[in-house]
Every structure is written in structure tokens, then in C-alpha cells.
């Protein structure tokens, strides 16, 4: 009887592993917002990691988070590394593309709680006196990511953070006076 139970559990485990293996190998998470500010104002908030403290959804999760900046103050080559509690983990972002005021591209490297490298993009499209902002992240799913995706809706979880960040970015950008912002 015990042998049959173990064989049954083994078959279930093999079936579950096979199911996890069929999950998508890539992902894309995207959220957007309309901000009542010109593209240059919004672009400046994203193109400079020093400005992220004011609007990033993760900046306030760990007041003791250690942050370091390297490279130029803004634009291509600027980088931001962080190490914090379990909610923020550890990682590094590097600006890989900076086309004022249309697009910012970022290489996002997570070190803890798990290792992953993803691409993040912000696009800024003028719409009359406002700016349509799209924040996206894409990458590949290894087996562990596929397994997590079975139990956690990553789009909903990360998407909620993007929505909070865009709401804060909206608030910060709309409070800026266009004359205060100089494009690189």
C-alpha cells in the first residue's frame, strides 16, 4: 500500500514539474498613466536616479535601505544600487538608453531575494498639454520564476507597484514648474 502511495505521489510530482515547465518563458508587465505635465518634466524625474526617492514605490518600504549611485548624475551609464530588507531586496539599475524626452531604458539586476536580469522602459508621449507615460518590464522566466508564477500573479503584484509609482510620479511631476526642469 505504501509503495502505491509513493508511486502516486511521484507521478503527481512529475506531472506538476511538467506543468510548470510549460509555463511561458518570457514575461512583460506594463502600466500607463496620463500626467498633466510636459514630457521633459516627467522625463527628468525618471532619467535621474537621485529623483526616484520622491516617487519610487519601493523607496519608502525600507527607511534603512543602503543606496549607492555611480556613473554620471543622469542619462546613459548612471547607476543605482540598493540593499535593503526583505521587501526591497538587493539589486542594481543602470540607464542603458536616454532619449530626451521620449524614452528611458534600464537594465534591472536583482541579486536578492532571487537573481534575475530584466529590461525596464519608460516611454513619454505628448498628448496636448499632458504626457502619456508607459512603464514596462520584460524578461525571461527560469524554472523558479515559472514555479512562482503558478502560485503568485506577478503581473498583478508588480503591476500594483507600477501603478503606485506612476501615481507618485504624476504627483511629483505635476508639482514641478516647467521652467525648473532643464533637459540634459
C-alpha atoms as a PDB file:
ATOM      1  CA  UNK A   1       0.000   0.000   0.000  1.00  0.00           C
ATOM      2  CA  UNK A   2       2.805   2.451   0.914  1.00  0.00           C
ATOM      3  CA  UNK A   3       4.524   1.650  -2.375  1.00  0.00           C
ATOM      4  CA  UNK A   4       1.386   2.612  -4.335  1.00  0.00           C
ATOM      5  CA  UNK A   5       1.066   5.881  -2.432  1.00  0.00           C
ATOM      6  CA  UNK A   6       4.731   6.758  -3.115  1.00  0.00           C
ATOM      7  CA  UNK A   7       4.335   5.904  -6.812  1.00  0.00           C
ATOM      8  CA  UNK A   8       1.203   8.059  -6.960  1.00  0.00           C
ATOM      9  CA  UNK A   9       2.958  10.985  -5.251  1.00  0.00           C
ATOM     10  CA  UNK A  10       5.933  10.571  -7.595  1.00  0.00           C
ATOM     11  CA  UNK A  11       3.622  10.641 -10.629  1.00  0.00           C
ATOM     12  CA  UNK A  12       1.915  13.767  -9.292  1.00  0.00           C
ATOM     13  CA  UNK A  13       5.287  15.436  -8.763  1.00  0.00           C
ATOM     14  CA  UNK A  14       6.421  14.581 -12.306  1.00  0.00           C
ATOM     15  CA  UNK A  15       3.123  15.896 -13.700  1.00  0.00           C
ATOM     16  CA  UNK A  16       3.459  19.107 -11.683  1.00  0.00           C
ATOM     17  CA  UNK A  17       7.059  19.659 -12.859  1.00  0.00           C
ATOM     18  CA  UNK A  18       5.937  19.047 -16.443  1.00  0.00           C
ATOM     19  CA  UNK A  19       3.108  21.561 -15.996  1.00  0.00           C
ATOM     20  CA  UNK A  20       5.482  24.209 -14.559  1.00  0.00           C
ATOM     21  CA  UNK A  21       7.847  23.623 -17.495  1.00  0.00           C
ATOM     22  CA  UNK A  22       5.078  24.520 -19.963  1.00  0.00           C
ATOM     23  CA  UNK A  23       4.588  27.993 -18.445  1.00  0.00           C
ATOM     24  CA  UNK A  24       5.649  30.968 -20.632  1.00  0.00           C
ATOM     25  CA  UNK A  25       9.402  31.501 -20.987  1.00  0.00           C
ATOM     26  CA  UNK A  26       9.090  35.294 -21.089  1.00  0.00           C
ATOM     27  CA  UNK A  27       7.003  37.931 -19.356  1.00  0.00           C
ATOM     28  CA  UNK A  28       6.025  41.566 -19.853  1.00  0.00           C
ATOM     29  CA  UNK A  29       4.397  43.794 -17.267  1.00  0.00           C
ATOM     30  CA  UNK A  30       3.126  47.203 -18.332  1.00  0.00           C
ATOM     31  CA  UNK A  31       1.179  50.054 -16.787  1.00  0.00           C
ATOM     32  CA  UNK A  32       0.431  53.557 -18.027  1.00  0.00           C
ATOM     33  CA  UNK A  33      -0.724  56.925 -16.750  1.00  0.00           C
ATOM     34  CA  UNK A  34      -1.551  60.355 -18.105  1.00  0.00           C
ATOM     35  CA  UNK A  35       0.376  63.110 -16.334  1.00  0.00           C
ATOM     36  CA  UNK A  36      -0.578  66.777 -16.539  1.00  0.00           C
ATOM     37  CA  UNK A  37       2.976  67.952 -17.264  1.00  0.00           C
ATOM     38  CA  UNK A  38       5.142  68.248 -20.372  1.00  0.00           C
ATOM     39  CA  UNK A  39       7.251  65.209 -21.372  1.00  0.00           C
ATOM     40  CA  UNK A  40      10.505  66.957 -20.392  1.00  0.00           C
ATOM     41  CA  UNK A  41       9.334  67.406 -16.809  1.00  0.00           C
ATOM     42  CA  UNK A  42       8.338  63.749 -16.435  1.00  0.00           C
ATOM     43  CA  UNK A  43      11.425  62.510 -18.313  1.00  0.00           C
ATOM     44  CA  UNK A  44      13.714  64.394 -15.890  1.00  0.00           C
ATOM     45  CA  UNK A  45      12.187  62.539 -12.911  1.00  0.00           C
ATOM     46  CA  UNK A  46      12.968  59.138 -14.455  1.00  0.00           C
ATOM     47  CA  UNK A  47      16.298  59.923 -16.145  1.00  0.00           C
ATOM     48  CA  UNK A  48      17.979  60.783 -12.806  1.00  0.00           C
ATOM     49  CA  UNK A  49      18.036  58.013 -10.177  1.00  0.00           C
ATOM     50  CA  UNK A  50      18.532  60.654  -7.462  1.00  0.00           C
ATOM     51  CA  UNK A  51      14.981  61.879  -8.225  1.00  0.00           C
ATOM     52  CA  UNK A  52      13.463  58.396  -7.775  1.00  0.00           C
ATOM     53  CA  UNK A  53      13.441  58.799  -3.985  1.00  0.00           C
ATOM     54  CA  UNK A  54      10.456  61.157  -4.376  1.00  0.00           C
ATOM     55  CA  UNK A  55       8.245  58.788  -6.388  1.00  0.00           C
ATOM     56  CA  UNK A  56       9.559  55.199  -6.422  1.00  0.00           C
ATOM     57  CA  UNK A  57       7.063  52.749  -4.890  1.00  0.00           C
ATOM     58  CA  UNK A  58       9.928  50.879  -3.214  1.00  0.00           C
ATOM     59  CA  UNK A  59      11.838  53.845  -1.755  1.00  0.00           C
ATOM     60  CA  UNK A  60       9.657  54.054   1.357  1.00  0.00           C
ATOM     61  CA  UNK A  61       9.480  50.321   2.126  1.00  0.00           C
ATOM     62  CA  UNK A  62      12.828  50.336   3.932  1.00  0.00           C
ATOM     63  CA  UNK A  63      13.959  53.602   5.570  1.00  0.00           C
ATOM     64  CA  UNK A  64      17.326  51.960   6.356  1.00  0.00           C
ATOM     65  CA  UNK A  65      17.967  50.833   2.773  1.00  0.00           C
ATOM     66  CA  UNK A  66      21.527  51.441   1.633  1.00  0.00           C
ATOM     67  CA  UNK A  67      21.666  53.190  -1.758  1.00  0.00           C
ATOM     68  CA  UNK A  68      24.727  53.962  -3.863  1.00  0.00           C
ATOM     69  CA  UNK A  69      24.991  55.913  -7.100  1.00  0.00           C
ATOM     70  CA  UNK A  70      27.698  55.590  -9.741  1.00  0.00           C
ATOM     71  CA  UNK A  71      28.497  56.988 -13.156  1.00  0.00           C
ATOM     72  CA  UNK A  72      27.079  60.254 -14.454  1.00  0.00           C
ATOM     73  CA  UNK A  73      24.372  62.050 -12.461  1.00  0.00           C
ATOM     74  CA  UNK A  74      21.780  61.157 -15.104  1.00  0.00           C
ATOM     75  CA  UNK A  75      21.434  59.596 -18.533  1.00  0.00           C
ATOM     76  CA  UNK A  76      23.203  56.600 -20.071  1.00  0.00           C
ATOM     77  CA  UNK A  77      25.662  54.982 -17.676  1.00  0.00           C
ATOM     78  CA  UNK A  78      24.068  56.317 -14.490  1.00  0.00           C
ATOM     79  CA  UNK A  79      23.505  53.532 -11.999  1.00  0.00           C
ATOM     80  CA  UNK A  80      21.775  52.979  -8.701  1.00  0.00           C
ATOM     81  CA  UNK A  81      22.401  50.022  -6.387  1.00  0.00           C
ATOM     82  CA  UNK A  82      20.412  49.174  -3.297  1.00  0.00           C
ATOM     83  CA  UNK A  83      20.491  46.711  -0.409  1.00  0.00           C
ATOM     84  CA  UNK A  84      17.582  46.568   1.969  1.00  0.00           C
ATOM     85  CA  UNK A  85      15.120  44.470   3.893  1.00  0.00           C
ATOM     86  CA  UNK A  86      13.131  41.514   2.535  1.00  0.00           C
ATOM     87  CA  UNK A  87      10.582  43.816   0.888  1.00  0.00           C
ATOM     88  CA  UNK A  88      13.141  45.601  -1.322  1.00  0.00           C
ATOM     89  CA  UNK A  89      15.908  43.010  -1.575  1.00  0.00           C
ATOM     90  CA  UNK A  90      19.161  43.879  -3.287  1.00  0.00           C
ATOM     91  CA  UNK A  91      19.988  44.876  -6.820  1.00  0.00           C
ATOM     92  CA  UNK A  92      21.215  47.422  -9.327  1.00  0.00           C
ATOM     93  CA  UNK A  93      19.716  49.558 -12.099  1.00  0.00           C
ATOM     94  CA  UNK A  94      21.743  51.049 -14.943  1.00  0.00           C
ATOM     95  CA  UNK A  95      20.424  53.503 -17.534  1.00  0.00           C
ATOM     96  CA  UNK A  96      21.092  51.990 -20.952  1.00  0.00           C
ATOM     97  CA  UNK A  97      19.069  54.398 -23.080  1.00  0.00           C
ATOM     98  CA  UNK A  98      18.185  58.045 -22.613  1.00  0.00           C
ATOM     99  CA  UNK A  99      16.374  59.828 -25.435  1.00  0.00           C
ATOM    100  CA  UNK A 100      15.068  63.107 -24.074  1.00  0.00           C
ATOM    101  CA  UNK A 101      12.160  63.462 -23.697  1.00  0.00           C
ATOM    102  CA  UNK A 102      10.805  60.252 -25.300  1.00  0.00           C
ATOM    103  CA  UNK A 103      12.343  57.194 -23.636  1.00  0.00           C
ATOM    104  CA  UNK A 104      14.459  55.832 -20.777  1.00  0.00           C
ATOM    105  CA  UNK A 105      15.763  52.241 -20.879  1.00  0.00           C
ATOM    106  CA  UNK A 106      17.107  50.470 -17.792  1.00  0.00           C
ATOM    107  CA  UNK A 107      18.962  47.205 -17.133  1.00  0.00           C
ATOM    108  CA  UNK A 108      17.491  45.908 -13.874  1.00  0.00           C
ATOM    109  CA  UNK A 109      19.535  43.323 -11.980  1.00  0.00           C
ATOM    110  CA  UNK A 110      18.047  41.646  -8.928  1.00  0.00           C
ATOM    111  CA  UNK A 111      20.505  39.918  -6.586  1.00  0.00           C
ATOM    112  CA  UNK A 112      18.256  39.111  -3.589  1.00  0.00           C
ATOM    113  CA  UNK A 113      15.885  37.503  -2.786  1.00  0.00           C
ATOM    114  CA  UNK A 114      16.492  35.850  -6.175  1.00  0.00           C
ATOM    115  CA  UNK A 115      18.750  36.584  -9.129  1.00  0.00           C
ATOM    116  CA  UNK A 116      17.228  37.926 -12.330  1.00  0.00           C
ATOM    117  CA  UNK A 117      18.060  40.446 -15.029  1.00  0.00           C
ATOM    118  CA  UNK A 118      15.232  42.296 -16.743  1.00  0.00           C
ATOM    119  CA  UNK A 119      14.728  45.266 -19.037  1.00  0.00           C
ATOM    120  CA  UNK A 120      12.648  48.210 -17.892  1.00  0.00           C
ATOM    121  CA  UNK A 121      11.456  51.015 -20.145  1.00  0.00           C
ATOM    122  CA  UNK A 122       9.651  54.291 -19.691  1.00  0.00           C
ATOM    123  CA  UNK A 123       8.163  55.998 -22.729  1.00  0.00           C
ATOM    124  CA  UNK A 124       6.809  59.536 -22.729  1.00  0.00           C
ATOM    125  CA  UNK A 125       4.323  60.636 -25.395  1.00  0.00           C
ATOM    126  CA  UNK A 126       2.938  64.169 -25.516  1.00  0.00           C
ATOM    127  CA  UNK A 127      -0.843  64.385 -25.624  1.00  0.00           C
ATOM    128  CA  UNK A 128      -1.805  68.032 -25.781  1.00  0.00           C
ATOM    129  CA  UNK A 129      -0.604  69.636 -22.554  1.00  0.00           C
ATOM    130  CA  UNK A 130      -0.223  66.232 -20.865  1.00  0.00           C
ATOM    131  CA  UNK A 131       2.154  63.281 -21.155  1.00  0.00           C
ATOM    132  CA  UNK A 132       1.208  59.633 -21.558  1.00  0.00           C
ATOM    133  CA  UNK A 133       3.751  57.538 -19.640  1.00  0.00           C
ATOM    134  CA  UNK A 134       4.181  53.790 -20.141  1.00  0.00           C
ATOM    135  CA  UNK A 135       6.282  51.862 -17.609  1.00  0.00           C
ATOM    136  CA  UNK A 136       7.140  48.311 -18.668  1.00  0.00           C
ATOM    137  CA  UNK A 137       9.384  45.476 -17.583  1.00  0.00           C
ATOM    138  CA  UNK A 138      10.198  42.354 -19.548  1.00  0.00           C
ATOM    139  CA  UNK A 139      12.454  39.378 -19.081  1.00  0.00           C
ATOM    140  CA  UNK A 140      12.764  35.633 -19.145  1.00  0.00           C
ATOM    141  CA  UNK A 141      11.241  33.120 -16.761  1.00  0.00           C
ATOM    142  CA  UNK A 142      13.582  30.421 -15.481  1.00  0.00           C
ATOM    143  CA  UNK A 143      12.110  27.353 -13.781  1.00  0.00           C
ATOM    144  CA  UNK A 144      11.919  29.080 -10.373  1.00  0.00           C
ATOM    145  CA  UNK A 145      10.108  32.074 -11.913  1.00  0.00           C
ATOM    146  CA  UNK A 146       7.698  29.744 -13.692  1.00  0.00           C
ATOM    147  CA  UNK A 147       7.078  27.910 -10.408  1.00  0.00           C
ATOM    148  CA  UNK A 148       6.410  31.197  -8.554  1.00  0.00           C
ATOM    149  CA  UNK A 149       4.021  32.189 -11.342  1.00  0.00           C
ATOM    150  CA  UNK A 150       1.865  29.147 -10.618  1.00  0.00           C
ATOM    151  CA  UNK A 151       1.159  30.449  -7.102  1.00  0.00           C
ATOM    152  CA  UNK A 152       1.580  34.256  -7.441  1.00  0.00           C
ATOM    153  CA  UNK A 153       0.182  36.557 -10.113  1.00  0.00           C
ATOM    154  CA  UNK A 154       3.375  38.502 -10.808  1.00  0.00           C
ATOM    155  CA  UNK A 155       1.606  40.871 -13.223  1.00  0.00           C
ATOM    156  CA  UNK A 156      -0.866  41.884 -10.529  1.00  0.00           C
ATOM    157  CA  UNK A 157       1.802  42.122  -7.811  1.00  0.00           C
ATOM    158  CA  UNK A 158       4.422  44.108  -9.751  1.00  0.00           C
ATOM    159  CA  UNK A 159       1.728  45.940 -11.710  1.00  0.00           C
ATOM    160  CA  UNK A 160       0.305  47.270  -8.435  1.00  0.00           C
ATOM    161  CA  UNK A 161       3.742  48.674  -7.569  1.00  0.00           C
ATOM    162  CA  UNK A 162       3.990  50.258 -11.029  1.00  0.00           C
ATOM    163  CA  UNK A 163       0.563  51.840 -10.505  1.00  0.00           C
ATOM    164  CA  UNK A 164       1.651  53.291  -7.126  1.00  0.00           C
ATOM    165  CA  UNK A 165       4.871  54.569  -8.675  1.00  0.00           C
ATOM    166  CA  UNK A 166       3.078  56.180 -11.603  1.00  0.00           C
ATOM    167  CA  UNK A 167       0.626  57.865  -9.223  1.00  0.00           C
ATOM    168  CA  UNK A 168       3.561  59.281  -7.232  1.00  0.00           C
ATOM    169  CA  UNK A 169       5.397  60.245 -10.440  1.00  0.00           C
ATOM    170  CA  UNK A 170       2.237  62.063 -11.516  1.00  0.00           C
ATOM    171  CA  UNK A 171       2.046  63.948  -8.223  1.00  0.00           C
ATOM    172  CA  UNK A 172       5.739  64.941  -8.274  1.00  0.00           C
ATOM    173  CA  UNK A 173       5.746  65.898 -11.969  1.00  0.00           C
ATOM    174  CA  UNK A 174       2.557  67.927 -11.779  1.00  0.00           C
ATOM    175  CA  UNK A 175       4.009  69.879  -8.840  1.00  0.00           C
ATOM    176  CA  UNK A 176       7.061  70.859 -10.936  1.00  0.00           C
ATOM    177  CA  UNK A 177       7.123  74.098 -12.848  1.00  0.00           C
ATOM    178  CA  UNK A 178       8.341  73.508 -16.425  1.00  0.00           C
ATOM    179  CA  UNK A 179      10.869  76.332 -16.097  1.00  0.00           C
ATOM    180  CA  UNK A 180      12.544  74.455 -13.215  1.00  0.00           C
ATOM    181  CA  UNK A 181      13.493  71.494 -15.376  1.00  0.00           C
ATOM    182  CA  UNK A 182      16.437  71.510 -17.761  1.00  0.00           C
ATOM    183  CA  UNK A 183      16.865  68.627 -20.169  1.00  0.00           C
ATOM    184  CA  UNK A 184      20.333  67.116 -20.464  1.00  0.00           C
END
